Each structure stands twice: as structure tokens, then as C-alpha cells.
Amino acid sequence: MKSFIFTLLFLGLTISSYSQDKTMKQAREEGLMKVEELPAVVIKRAGADFSVYIPDNHPDKDVRRMQEKFIAYDIGTDYQGSENYLLLMETKNGSLAATYNGNGKLIRVVENYKDVRLPNEVIYSIYRTYPDWTIVNDKYLYTQEDGDILKKQYNLKIQKGKQTLRMTVRSNGDILKVR
């Protein structure tokens, strides 16, 4: 009888302790940060026309934050009565300029940022081609017109000792120009 009571007491305590304990998998999942990606294409209706904007899933959080603000911005009726409407958004490291026509359709977007986090492909390409060089300065230019991406490139300045080179690199790591 004594052993039966001790067995019930032992099982009761162990079952209640397991119910309060989190599994390791649950604890790991709570600690992970969720990376929210921007939509692949944003289409807004402007009268009879449609505005198309393709956000860039850039590794720099400031660039993504600026694009999120632009996507969330509603021009409303601000554009009415003008031939073109220019929307300018600025941060300390960059700017986004969007041009709308008289009907409210998005015509052109030019994004310009400096000192951004570079994609891994760009970093690997530079250090593979120019070992022992250091990236000193970087600028990112992202341009689209009517939903077509025209430019998506980095203007970099690299240095080795007293030598400096300026170069233009695509986002996939292709080096376009060295000056």
C-alpha cells in the first residue's frame, strides 16, 4: 500500500513538472527573429491605370524600412491638378524619389543609399578579384520605370595602402566598371 501511494505521488509530480516545462524546440523557435520579406510586386490602382513597384529584398534593414514606408504611403488626391507629382522620402543614409503622372500612376522610382550592408555576392566578388583590398565607401542605386528595373548597382570605393579604385558592381557580383 505504501509503495502504491509513493508511485502515485511520484507520477503526479513528474507529470505536473512536464506540463510546465517548454521543449527545447519551442524555446529555440521563440528566440529566433522572424525575417519578414516584402512582397515581390506591389500593384496599386490609379484610376484606369495600374502602378507597379518591385521592392528589392535588400540585406540592409534601412533600405527595406524605406521601401516599406513607400509601399504603405497613399498619395490620395495630392497628385490632382498637376502634370507630374514628385514624392521624396529621405533618411540620413538615403533617399527615395517617386514620380507620379497626373492620373496618379507611378512612373519612376529612384532609390539612392550610402553606407549600406552589401549583399554577400558583392563582397565575395570584390575580395575574390581584389584580395587584400578594403571596401572604404559604398553607394547603392536602384531605379525602376513603369515596373521595369533599370539599375540595381553599387558604386564602391576600395583601397589598398595609398591606392584607391572606384568601381561599379551589379547586385549579383558582376563588376561592370573599374575607374
N, C-alpha and C. Protein backbone atom coordinates (compact mmCIF):
# COMPACT_ATOMS: atom_id res chain seq x y z
N MET A 1 0.83 -1.19 0.00
CA MET A 1 0.00 0.00 0.00
C MET A 1 0.88 1.26 0.00
N LYS A 2 1.97 1.19 0.82
CA LYS A 2 2.87 2.32 0.88
C LYS A 2 3.54 2.56 -0.48
N SER A 3 3.97 1.52 -1.13
CA SER A 3 4.63 1.65 -2.43
C SER A 3 3.64 2.17 -3.48
N PHE A 4 2.39 1.78 -3.38
CA PHE A 4 1.37 2.25 -4.32
C PHE A 4 1.17 3.76 -4.17
N ILE A 5 1.13 4.27 -2.96
CA ILE A 5 0.95 5.70 -2.70
C ILE A 5 2.17 6.48 -3.19
N PHE A 6 3.38 5.95 -2.89
CA PHE A 6 4.60 6.62 -3.38
C PHE A 6 4.67 6.65 -4.90
N THR A 7 4.22 5.59 -5.55
CA THR A 7 4.21 5.54 -7.01
C THR A 7 3.25 6.58 -7.57
N LEU A 8 2.05 6.68 -7.00
CA LEU A 8 1.09 7.69 -7.45
C LEU A 8 1.62 9.11 -7.20
N LEU A 9 2.23 9.33 -6.05
CA LEU A 9 2.79 10.64 -5.74
C LEU A 9 3.92 10.99 -6.72
N PHE A 10 4.80 10.03 -7.00
CA PHE A 10 5.90 10.24 -7.94
C PHE A 10 5.40 10.56 -9.34
N LEU A 11 4.42 9.79 -9.83
CA LEU A 11 3.85 10.03 -11.16
C LEU A 11 3.13 11.37 -11.22
N GLY A 12 2.43 11.72 -10.16
CA GLY A 12 1.72 13.00 -10.13
C GLY A 12 2.67 14.19 -10.21
N LEU A 13 3.78 14.11 -9.50
CA LEU A 13 4.76 15.20 -9.53
C LEU A 13 5.48 15.28 -10.87
N THR A 14 5.85 14.15 -11.44
CA THR A 14 6.57 14.18 -12.72
C THR A 14 5.68 14.65 -13.85
N ILE A 15 4.43 14.25 -13.85
CA ILE A 15 3.52 14.69 -14.91
C ILE A 15 3.28 16.20 -14.81
N SER A 16 3.10 16.72 -13.60
CA SER A 16 2.87 18.16 -13.46
C SER A 16 4.12 18.97 -13.79
N SER A 17 5.30 18.43 -13.53
CA SER A 17 6.53 19.16 -13.88
C SER A 17 6.74 19.19 -15.38
N TYR A 18 6.36 18.14 -16.10
CA TYR A 18 6.49 18.14 -17.56
C TYR A 18 5.50 19.11 -18.20
N SER A 19 4.37 19.31 -17.60
CA SER A 19 3.38 20.21 -18.21
C SER A 19 3.81 21.66 -18.14
N GLN A 20 4.69 22.01 -17.22
CA GLN A 20 5.15 23.39 -17.09
C GLN A 20 6.44 23.66 -17.84
N ASP A 21 7.08 22.64 -18.32
CA ASP A 21 8.37 22.78 -18.99
C ASP A 21 8.18 22.92 -20.49
N LYS A 22 8.94 23.86 -21.09
CA LYS A 22 8.91 24.02 -22.54
C LYS A 22 9.91 23.06 -23.15
N THR A 23 9.57 22.60 -24.32
CA THR A 23 10.52 21.74 -25.01
C THR A 23 11.64 22.61 -25.58
N MET A 24 12.75 22.00 -25.88
CA MET A 24 13.90 22.74 -26.43
C MET A 24 13.55 23.36 -27.77
N LYS A 25 12.76 22.66 -28.57
CA LYS A 25 12.40 23.17 -29.89
C LYS A 25 11.56 24.44 -29.75
N GLN A 26 10.60 24.44 -28.82
CA GLN A 26 9.77 25.62 -28.61
C GLN A 26 10.61 26.80 -28.13
N ALA A 27 11.56 26.55 -27.24
CA ALA A 27 12.41 27.62 -26.72
C ALA A 27 13.28 28.20 -27.83
N ARG A 28 13.80 27.34 -28.73
CA ARG A 28 14.62 27.82 -29.84
C ARG A 28 13.80 28.65 -30.81
N GLU A 29 12.57 28.21 -31.10
CA GLU A 29 11.73 28.93 -32.05
C GLU A 29 11.34 30.30 -31.51
N GLU A 30 11.15 30.43 -30.20
CA GLU A 30 10.80 31.73 -29.63
C GLU A 30 11.96 32.71 -29.73
N GLY A 31 13.19 32.20 -29.66
CA GLY A 31 14.36 33.06 -29.71
C GLY A 31 14.73 33.54 -31.10
N LEU A 32 14.20 32.91 -32.13
CA LEU A 32 14.55 33.29 -33.50
C LEU A 32 13.82 34.56 -33.91
N MET A 33 14.52 35.40 -34.65
CA MET A 33 13.89 36.60 -35.20
C MET A 33 13.24 36.24 -36.52
N LYS A 34 12.07 36.73 -36.73
CA LYS A 34 11.39 36.48 -38.00
C LYS A 34 11.83 37.53 -39.01
N VAL A 35 12.21 37.08 -40.18
CA VAL A 35 12.57 37.99 -41.25
C VAL A 35 11.36 38.10 -42.16
N GLU A 36 10.77 39.27 -42.16
CA GLU A 36 9.60 39.48 -43.00
C GLU A 36 10.06 40.02 -44.34
N GLU A 37 9.68 39.35 -45.38
CA GLU A 37 10.06 39.79 -46.71
C GLU A 37 8.98 40.68 -47.29
N LEU A 38 9.42 41.61 -48.08
CA LEU A 38 8.49 42.48 -48.78
C LEU A 38 7.84 41.68 -49.91
N PRO A 39 6.66 42.09 -50.34
CA PRO A 39 6.04 41.38 -51.46
C PRO A 39 6.88 41.50 -52.72
N ALA A 40 6.77 40.53 -53.60
CA ALA A 40 7.58 40.53 -54.82
C ALA A 40 7.20 41.68 -55.74
N VAL A 41 5.91 41.96 -55.87
CA VAL A 41 5.44 43.04 -56.73
C VAL A 41 4.28 43.73 -56.02
N VAL A 42 4.30 45.05 -56.04
CA VAL A 42 3.21 45.82 -55.46
C VAL A 42 2.47 46.51 -56.60
N ILE A 43 1.18 46.25 -56.71
CA ILE A 43 0.38 46.84 -57.77
C ILE A 43 -0.75 47.63 -57.11
N LYS A 44 -0.81 48.91 -57.44
CA LYS A 44 -1.88 49.77 -56.93
C LYS A 44 -2.65 50.34 -58.10
N ARG A 45 -3.92 50.47 -57.91
CA ARG A 45 -4.76 51.02 -58.97
C ARG A 45 -4.80 52.53 -58.86
N ALA A 46 -4.60 53.18 -60.00
CA ALA A 46 -4.67 54.64 -60.07
C ALA A 46 -5.61 54.99 -61.21
N GLY A 47 -6.88 55.13 -60.90
CA GLY A 47 -7.88 55.37 -61.94
C GLY A 47 -8.00 54.14 -62.82
N ALA A 48 -7.81 54.31 -64.13
CA ALA A 48 -7.87 53.18 -65.06
C ALA A 48 -6.52 52.49 -65.20
N ASP A 49 -5.46 53.14 -64.71
CA ASP A 49 -4.11 52.59 -64.83
C ASP A 49 -3.71 51.84 -63.55
N PHE A 50 -2.66 51.05 -63.68
CA PHE A 50 -2.11 50.34 -62.53
C PHE A 50 -0.66 50.76 -62.34
N SER A 51 -0.30 51.02 -61.10
CA SER A 51 1.08 51.34 -60.76
C SER A 51 1.77 50.07 -60.29
N VAL A 52 2.96 49.82 -60.81
CA VAL A 52 3.72 48.62 -60.45
C VAL A 52 5.03 49.06 -59.81
N TYR A 53 5.31 48.49 -58.64
CA TYR A 53 6.57 48.74 -57.94
C TYR A 53 7.14 47.40 -57.50
N ILE A 54 8.41 47.18 -57.80
CA ILE A 54 9.07 45.93 -57.43
C ILE A 54 10.07 46.24 -56.32
N PRO A 55 9.74 45.93 -55.07
CA PRO A 55 10.69 46.19 -53.99
C PRO A 55 11.87 45.24 -54.05
N ASP A 56 12.99 45.70 -53.55
CA ASP A 56 14.21 44.91 -53.55
C ASP A 56 14.38 44.31 -52.15
N ASN A 57 14.51 43.00 -52.07
CA ASN A 57 14.77 42.37 -50.77
C ASN A 57 16.25 42.51 -50.44
N HIS A 58 16.61 43.71 -50.08
CA HIS A 58 17.99 44.08 -49.81
C HIS A 58 18.38 43.63 -48.40
N PRO A 59 19.65 43.24 -48.19
CA PRO A 59 20.04 42.80 -46.85
C PRO A 59 20.10 43.92 -45.81
N ASP A 60 20.09 45.17 -46.23
CA ASP A 60 20.17 46.28 -45.29
C ASP A 60 18.77 46.62 -44.78
N LYS A 61 18.62 46.70 -43.48
CA LYS A 61 17.29 46.93 -42.89
C LYS A 61 16.78 48.35 -43.16
N ASP A 62 17.68 49.33 -43.28
CA ASP A 62 17.23 50.70 -43.56
C ASP A 62 16.62 50.82 -44.96
N VAL A 63 17.19 50.10 -45.92
CA VAL A 63 16.64 50.09 -47.28
C VAL A 63 15.26 49.45 -47.27
N ARG A 64 15.13 48.32 -46.59
CA ARG A 64 13.83 47.64 -46.52
C ARG A 64 12.80 48.50 -45.81
N ARG A 65 13.22 49.19 -44.75
CA ARG A 65 12.29 50.05 -44.00
C ARG A 65 11.78 51.19 -44.88
N MET A 66 12.68 51.78 -45.67
CA MET A 66 12.28 52.87 -46.58
C MET A 66 11.29 52.35 -47.61
N GLN A 67 11.53 51.17 -48.16
CA GLN A 67 10.63 50.59 -49.15
C GLN A 67 9.28 50.25 -48.53
N GLU A 68 9.28 49.79 -47.29
CA GLU A 68 8.01 49.52 -46.61
C GLU A 68 7.20 50.79 -46.43
N LYS A 69 7.86 51.88 -46.06
CA LYS A 69 7.16 53.16 -45.90
C LYS A 69 6.61 53.65 -47.23
N PHE A 70 7.38 53.44 -48.30
CA PHE A 70 6.91 53.86 -49.62
C PHE A 70 5.69 53.04 -50.04
N ILE A 71 5.73 51.73 -49.80
CA ILE A 71 4.60 50.87 -50.16
C ILE A 71 3.36 51.27 -49.37
N ALA A 72 3.54 51.62 -48.10
CA ALA A 72 2.40 51.99 -47.25
C ALA A 72 1.88 53.39 -47.53
N TYR A 73 2.67 54.23 -48.20
CA TYR A 73 2.26 55.62 -48.46
C TYR A 73 1.12 55.66 -49.46
N ASP A 74 0.12 56.47 -49.15
CA ASP A 74 -1.03 56.64 -50.04
C ASP A 74 -1.05 58.10 -50.50
N ILE A 75 -0.90 58.32 -51.80
CA ILE A 75 -0.87 59.70 -52.28
C ILE A 75 -2.24 60.34 -52.27
N GLY A 76 -3.28 59.54 -52.18
CA GLY A 76 -4.64 60.08 -52.10
C GLY A 76 -4.96 60.94 -53.29
N THR A 77 -5.32 62.19 -53.04
CA THR A 77 -5.66 63.13 -54.11
C THR A 77 -4.61 64.24 -54.24
N ASP A 78 -3.43 64.03 -53.66
CA ASP A 78 -2.38 65.05 -53.71
C ASP A 78 -1.92 65.34 -55.14
N TYR A 79 -2.00 64.36 -56.00
CA TYR A 79 -1.47 64.49 -57.36
C TYR A 79 -2.41 65.27 -58.29
N GLN A 80 -3.67 65.42 -57.91
CA GLN A 80 -4.65 66.04 -58.81
C GLN A 80 -4.31 67.50 -59.07
N GLY A 81 -4.43 67.89 -60.32
CA GLY A 81 -4.19 69.27 -60.71
C GLY A 81 -2.76 69.53 -61.12
N SER A 82 -1.94 68.52 -61.16
CA SER A 82 -0.55 68.73 -61.59
C SER A 82 -0.21 67.72 -62.68
N GLU A 83 0.73 68.10 -63.52
CA GLU A 83 1.14 67.22 -64.61
C GLU A 83 1.93 66.03 -64.06
N ASN A 84 2.90 66.31 -63.20
CA ASN A 84 3.68 65.28 -62.52
C ASN A 84 3.71 65.58 -61.04
N TYR A 85 3.77 64.54 -60.24
CA TYR A 85 3.81 64.67 -58.79
C TYR A 85 5.04 63.94 -58.30
N LEU A 86 5.91 64.63 -57.55
CA LEU A 86 7.15 64.05 -57.05
C LEU A 86 7.01 63.79 -55.56
N LEU A 87 7.25 62.56 -55.17
CA LEU A 87 7.25 62.17 -53.77
C LEU A 87 8.70 61.91 -53.38
N LEU A 88 9.17 62.59 -52.34
CA LEU A 88 10.56 62.44 -51.91
C LEU A 88 10.57 62.00 -50.46
N MET A 89 11.20 60.86 -50.20
CA MET A 89 11.36 60.34 -48.84
C MET A 89 12.85 60.27 -48.56
N GLU A 90 13.26 60.78 -47.39
CA GLU A 90 14.69 60.82 -47.07
C GLU A 90 14.96 60.26 -45.68
N THR A 91 16.12 59.65 -45.55
CA THR A 91 16.68 59.26 -44.26
C THR A 91 18.09 59.80 -44.21
N LYS A 92 18.79 59.54 -43.11
CA LYS A 92 20.16 60.07 -43.02
C LYS A 92 21.10 59.38 -43.99
N ASN A 93 20.80 58.15 -44.42
CA ASN A 93 21.68 57.42 -45.33
C ASN A 93 21.14 57.26 -46.73
N GLY A 94 19.99 57.83 -47.04
CA GLY A 94 19.48 57.63 -48.38
C GLY A 94 18.21 58.38 -48.67
N SER A 95 17.75 58.19 -49.91
CA SER A 95 16.52 58.85 -50.34
C SER A 95 15.80 57.98 -51.36
N LEU A 96 14.51 58.21 -51.45
CA LEU A 96 13.66 57.54 -52.44
C LEU A 96 12.83 58.64 -53.09
N ALA A 97 12.93 58.74 -54.41
CA ALA A 97 12.16 59.73 -55.15
C ALA A 97 11.25 59.00 -56.12
N ALA A 98 9.96 59.25 -56.01
CA ALA A 98 8.98 58.61 -56.88
C ALA A 98 8.23 59.68 -57.66
N THR A 99 8.03 59.43 -58.95
CA THR A 99 7.32 60.37 -59.81
C THR A 99 6.00 59.73 -60.26
N TYR A 100 4.91 60.47 -60.06
CA TYR A 100 3.59 60.04 -60.48
C TYR A 100 3.11 60.96 -61.59
N ASN A 101 2.28 60.44 -62.50
CA ASN A 101 1.72 61.30 -63.55
C ASN A 101 0.44 61.97 -63.03
N GLY A 102 -0.23 62.71 -63.88
CA GLY A 102 -1.44 63.44 -63.48
C GLY A 102 -2.59 62.56 -63.08
N ASN A 103 -2.58 61.28 -63.49
CA ASN A 103 -3.64 60.35 -63.11
C ASN A 103 -3.32 59.58 -61.84
N GLY A 104 -2.13 59.79 -61.28
CA GLY A 104 -1.75 59.08 -60.06
C GLY A 104 -1.01 57.78 -60.31
N LYS A 105 -0.60 57.55 -61.56
CA LYS A 105 0.13 56.32 -61.88
C LYS A 105 1.62 56.52 -61.58
N LEU A 106 2.23 55.54 -60.96
CA LEU A 106 3.65 55.58 -60.65
C LEU A 106 4.45 55.42 -61.94
N ILE A 107 5.28 56.41 -62.24
CA ILE A 107 6.07 56.38 -63.47
C ILE A 107 7.49 55.90 -63.21
N ARG A 108 8.13 56.49 -62.20
CA ARG A 108 9.55 56.22 -62.00
C ARG A 108 9.88 56.26 -60.50
N VAL A 109 10.79 55.38 -60.08
CA VAL A 109 11.28 55.37 -58.70
C VAL A 109 12.80 55.32 -58.75
N VAL A 110 13.44 56.23 -58.03
CA VAL A 110 14.90 56.25 -57.93
C VAL A 110 15.25 56.19 -56.45
N GLU A 111 15.99 55.15 -56.07
CA GLU A 111 16.43 54.98 -54.70
C GLU A 111 17.95 55.11 -54.67
N ASN A 112 18.44 55.89 -53.73
CA ASN A 112 19.87 56.15 -53.62
C ASN A 112 20.25 56.06 -52.14
N TYR A 113 21.16 55.17 -51.79
CA TYR A 113 21.57 54.98 -50.41
C TYR A 113 23.09 54.94 -50.33
N LYS A 114 23.61 55.33 -49.18
CA LYS A 114 25.05 55.22 -48.97
C LYS A 114 25.31 54.47 -47.67
N ASP A 115 26.48 53.85 -47.59
CA ASP A 115 26.90 53.07 -46.43
C ASP A 115 25.87 52.01 -46.04
N VAL A 116 25.49 51.18 -47.00
CA VAL A 116 24.53 50.11 -46.76
C VAL A 116 25.27 48.79 -46.55
N ARG A 117 24.56 47.84 -46.02
CA ARG A 117 25.11 46.49 -45.88
C ARG A 117 25.10 45.86 -47.27
N LEU A 118 26.25 45.39 -47.71
CA LEU A 118 26.37 44.83 -49.05
C LEU A 118 25.92 43.38 -49.07
N PRO A 119 25.33 42.94 -50.19
CA PRO A 119 24.99 41.52 -50.32
C PRO A 119 26.26 40.66 -50.35
N ASN A 120 26.14 39.43 -49.92
CA ASN A 120 27.29 38.53 -49.88
C ASN A 120 27.93 38.34 -51.25
N GLU A 121 27.11 38.30 -52.31
CA GLU A 121 27.65 38.10 -53.66
C GLU A 121 28.60 39.23 -54.04
N VAL A 122 28.26 40.45 -53.67
CA VAL A 122 29.10 41.60 -53.99
C VAL A 122 30.41 41.53 -53.20
N ILE A 123 30.31 41.23 -51.93
CA ILE A 123 31.51 41.15 -51.08
C ILE A 123 32.45 40.06 -51.58
N TYR A 124 31.91 38.87 -51.86
CA TYR A 124 32.75 37.76 -52.34
C TYR A 124 33.41 38.10 -53.67
N SER A 125 32.66 38.73 -54.56
CA SER A 125 33.21 39.08 -55.86
C SER A 125 34.37 40.07 -55.74
N ILE A 126 34.22 41.07 -54.88
CA ILE A 126 35.27 42.07 -54.71
C ILE A 126 36.51 41.44 -54.09
N TYR A 127 36.34 40.69 -53.02
CA TYR A 127 37.50 40.11 -52.34
C TYR A 127 38.14 38.98 -53.13
N ARG A 128 37.39 38.33 -53.99
CA ARG A 128 37.97 37.30 -54.85
C ARG A 128 38.81 37.95 -55.96
N THR A 129 38.30 39.03 -56.52
CA THR A 129 39.00 39.72 -57.61
C THR A 129 40.13 40.61 -57.10
N TYR A 130 39.92 41.26 -55.97
CA TYR A 130 40.90 42.18 -55.40
C TYR A 130 41.24 41.76 -53.97
N PRO A 131 42.05 40.71 -53.81
CA PRO A 131 42.42 40.30 -52.44
C PRO A 131 43.29 41.38 -51.79
N ASP A 132 43.23 41.48 -50.50
CA ASP A 132 43.99 42.44 -49.69
C ASP A 132 43.52 43.88 -49.88
N TRP A 133 42.44 44.11 -50.58
CA TRP A 133 41.86 45.44 -50.72
C TRP A 133 40.73 45.57 -49.68
N THR A 134 40.42 46.80 -49.32
CA THR A 134 39.37 47.06 -48.34
C THR A 134 38.31 47.96 -48.97
N ILE A 135 37.05 47.63 -48.71
CA ILE A 135 35.94 48.47 -49.19
C ILE A 135 35.84 49.66 -48.24
N VAL A 136 36.02 50.85 -48.79
CA VAL A 136 36.05 52.07 -47.99
C VAL A 136 34.70 52.78 -48.00
N ASN A 137 34.08 52.83 -49.16
CA ASN A 137 32.86 53.62 -49.33
C ASN A 137 31.93 52.87 -50.28
N ASP A 138 30.63 52.93 -50.03
CA ASP A 138 29.69 52.29 -50.95
C ASP A 138 28.42 53.10 -51.08
N LYS A 139 27.87 53.06 -52.29
CA LYS A 139 26.59 53.69 -52.60
C LYS A 139 25.76 52.68 -53.38
N TYR A 140 24.46 52.71 -53.13
CA TYR A 140 23.54 51.77 -53.78
C TYR A 140 22.52 52.56 -54.58
N LEU A 141 22.36 52.21 -55.84
CA LEU A 141 21.40 52.88 -56.72
C LEU A 141 20.43 51.84 -57.26
N TYR A 142 19.15 52.11 -57.06
CA TYR A 142 18.09 51.20 -57.51
C TYR A 142 17.05 52.04 -58.24
N THR A 143 16.88 51.81 -59.55
CA THR A 143 15.99 52.62 -60.37
C THR A 143 15.03 51.73 -61.13
N GLN A 144 13.77 52.14 -61.16
CA GLN A 144 12.79 51.44 -61.99
C GLN A 144 11.86 52.44 -62.66
N GLU A 145 11.37 52.00 -63.81
CA GLU A 145 10.45 52.84 -64.57
C GLU A 145 9.33 51.95 -65.09
N ASP A 146 8.10 52.31 -64.78
CA ASP A 146 6.90 51.54 -65.17
C ASP A 146 7.01 50.07 -64.79
N GLY A 147 7.57 49.78 -63.62
CA GLY A 147 7.67 48.41 -63.14
C GLY A 147 8.85 47.63 -63.69
N ASP A 148 9.69 48.25 -64.51
CA ASP A 148 10.89 47.59 -65.05
C ASP A 148 12.11 48.11 -64.31
N ILE A 149 12.96 47.20 -63.84
CA ILE A 149 14.17 47.59 -63.13
C ILE A 149 15.21 48.04 -64.15
N LEU A 150 15.64 49.30 -64.04
CA LEU A 150 16.64 49.84 -64.96
C LEU A 150 18.05 49.68 -64.40
N LYS A 151 18.24 50.02 -63.13
CA LYS A 151 19.55 49.92 -62.49
C LYS A 151 19.41 49.33 -61.11
N LYS A 152 20.33 48.45 -60.80
CA LYS A 152 20.43 47.88 -59.46
C LYS A 152 21.91 47.63 -59.26
N GLN A 153 22.62 48.65 -58.80
CA GLN A 153 24.08 48.55 -58.78
C GLN A 153 24.67 49.28 -57.58
N TYR A 154 25.92 48.95 -57.31
CA TYR A 154 26.68 49.54 -56.22
C TYR A 154 27.86 50.29 -56.79
N ASN A 155 28.09 51.49 -56.31
CA ASN A 155 29.29 52.26 -56.64
C ASN A 155 30.20 52.17 -55.42
N LEU A 156 31.31 51.46 -55.59
CA LEU A 156 32.20 51.18 -54.47
C LEU A 156 33.53 51.88 -54.64
N LYS A 157 34.14 52.17 -53.50
CA LYS A 157 35.50 52.70 -53.48
C LYS A 157 36.30 51.73 -52.62
N ILE A 158 37.35 51.13 -53.23
CA ILE A 158 38.18 50.19 -52.48
C ILE A 158 39.59 50.76 -52.38
N GLN A 159 40.31 50.31 -51.35
CA GLN A 159 41.61 50.89 -51.08
C GLN A 159 42.59 49.80 -50.63
N LYS A 160 43.84 49.96 -51.09
CA LYS A 160 44.95 49.10 -50.66
C LYS A 160 46.15 50.00 -50.49
N GLY A 161 46.50 50.29 -49.24
CA GLY A 161 47.58 51.24 -48.98
C GLY A 161 47.15 52.62 -49.41
N LYS A 162 47.91 53.22 -50.35
CA LYS A 162 47.57 54.55 -50.86
C LYS A 162 46.82 54.47 -52.19
N GLN A 163 46.67 53.27 -52.73
CA GLN A 163 45.94 53.10 -54.00
C GLN A 163 44.44 53.05 -53.72
N THR A 164 43.67 53.71 -54.56
CA THR A 164 42.21 53.62 -54.46
C THR A 164 41.65 53.34 -55.84
N LEU A 165 40.60 52.56 -55.87
CA LEU A 165 39.88 52.27 -57.10
C LEU A 165 38.40 52.54 -56.86
N ARG A 166 37.75 53.02 -57.88
CA ARG A 166 36.29 53.17 -57.85
C ARG A 166 35.73 52.18 -58.85
N MET A 167 34.64 51.54 -58.47
CA MET A 167 34.06 50.54 -59.36
C MET A 167 32.55 50.51 -59.24
N THR A 168 31.95 50.00 -60.29
CA THR A 168 30.51 49.79 -60.34
C THR A 168 30.27 48.29 -60.40
N VAL A 169 29.43 47.80 -59.47
CA VAL A 169 29.19 46.37 -59.34
C VAL A 169 27.69 46.12 -59.32
N ARG A 170 27.24 45.12 -60.06
CA ARG A 170 25.83 44.71 -60.01
C ARG A 170 25.55 43.98 -58.70
N SER A 171 24.29 43.81 -58.39
CA SER A 171 23.92 43.16 -57.13
C SER A 171 24.26 41.67 -57.11
N ASN A 172 24.48 41.07 -58.28
CA ASN A 172 24.86 39.65 -58.32
C ASN A 172 26.38 39.46 -58.25
N GLY A 173 27.15 40.55 -58.17
CA GLY A 173 28.59 40.47 -58.04
C GLY A 173 29.37 40.75 -59.31
N ASP A 174 28.70 40.94 -60.44
CA ASP A 174 29.39 41.26 -61.70
C ASP A 174 29.99 42.66 -61.61
N ILE A 175 31.29 42.76 -61.88
CA ILE A 175 31.96 44.06 -61.87
C ILE A 175 31.80 44.67 -63.26
N LEU A 176 31.13 45.82 -63.32
CA LEU A 176 30.85 46.47 -64.60
C LEU A 176 31.97 47.40 -65.04
N LYS A 177 32.43 48.26 -64.13
CA LYS A 177 33.42 49.28 -64.48
C LYS A 177 34.42 49.42 -63.35
N VAL A 178 35.68 49.64 -63.70
CA VAL A 178 36.71 49.97 -62.72
C VAL A 178 37.36 51.26 -63.17
N ARG A 179 37.40 52.24 -62.30
CA ARG A 179 38.00 53.54 -62.64
C ARG A 179 39.14 53.82 -61.69
